[in-house]
Amino acid sequence: MTTKELREKVQQAIENIPDKALVKLIELLEELRIVPVDEQSDDALIERIINENRDVLSRLAK
């Protein structure tokens, strides 16, 4: 998938998410930038963040 396609898919995915959930999502995305790249792969980091925050994200999305 191209970067453009990924960005479009992300945009579509967040269109109906409540503002509170978007704020939390932004915080999680900013956390991705803080962790050094060589510490772990992006995929592993994203998976860890989602797993750690799954309950919070689910509640905010309702």
Protein backbone atom coordinates (compact mmCIF):
# COMPACT_ATOMS: atom_id res chain seq x y z
CA MET A 1 0.00 0.00 0.00
CA THR A 2 1.32 3.45 -0.83
CA THR A 3 1.70 6.21 1.74
CA LYS A 4 -1.18 8.06 0.10
CA GLU A 5 -3.42 4.99 0.35
CA LEU A 6 -2.45 4.47 3.99
CA ARG A 7 -3.23 8.09 4.85
CA GLU A 8 -6.61 7.87 3.11
CA LYS A 9 -7.43 4.66 4.98
CA VAL A 10 -6.48 6.27 8.30
CA GLN A 11 -8.63 9.31 7.49
CA GLN A 12 -11.62 7.09 6.74
CA ALA A 13 -11.07 5.10 9.93
CA ILE A 14 -11.07 8.17 12.19
CA GLU A 15 -13.98 10.08 10.63
CA ASN A 16 -16.57 8.77 13.10
CA ILE A 17 -14.42 8.49 16.21
CA PRO A 18 -15.45 10.80 19.09
CA ASP A 19 -13.13 13.68 19.98
CA LYS A 20 -12.08 12.08 23.29
CA ALA A 21 -10.91 8.99 21.44
CA LEU A 22 -9.07 11.12 18.88
CA VAL A 23 -7.18 12.89 21.66
CA LYS A 24 -6.10 9.52 23.09
CA LEU A 25 -5.16 8.30 19.62
CA ILE A 26 -2.99 11.38 19.07
CA GLU A 27 -1.25 10.73 22.40
CA LEU A 28 -0.56 7.15 21.35
CA LEU A 29 0.78 8.26 17.98
CA GLU A 30 3.06 10.78 19.66
CA GLU A 31 4.34 7.99 21.90
CA LEU A 32 5.41 6.14 18.75
CA ARG A 33 7.73 8.99 17.87
CA ILE A 34 9.39 9.00 21.31
CA VAL A 35 10.63 5.39 21.37
CA PRO A 36 13.94 4.95 19.52
CA VAL A 37 13.60 3.09 16.23
CA ASP A 38 16.33 0.61 17.10
CA GLU A 39 14.58 -0.32 20.35
CA GLN A 40 11.84 -2.27 18.61
CA SER A 41 10.11 -2.48 15.28
CA ASP A 42 7.24 -0.13 14.50
CA ASP A 43 4.84 -3.04 14.14
CA ALA A 44 5.76 -4.45 17.54
CA LEU A 45 5.49 -1.02 19.14
CA ILE A 46 2.08 -0.32 17.63
CA GLU A 47 0.84 -3.74 18.70
CA ARG A 48 2.10 -3.18 22.26
CA ILE A 49 0.48 0.25 22.53
CA ILE A 50 -2.83 -1.02 21.20
CA ASN A 51 -2.81 -4.00 23.55
CA GLU A 52 -1.95 -1.84 26.56
CA ASN A 53 -4.71 0.65 25.73
CA ARG A 54 -7.36 -1.57 24.14
CA ASP A 55 -9.89 -1.09 26.98
CA VAL A 56 -9.46 2.68 27.01
CA LEU A 57 -9.76 2.92 23.24
CA SER A 58 -12.90 0.75 23.26
CA ARG A 59 -14.58 2.86 25.93
CA LEU A 60 -13.69 6.12 24.20
CA ALA A 61 -14.99 4.88 20.85
CA LYS A 62 -18.47 4.23 22.27
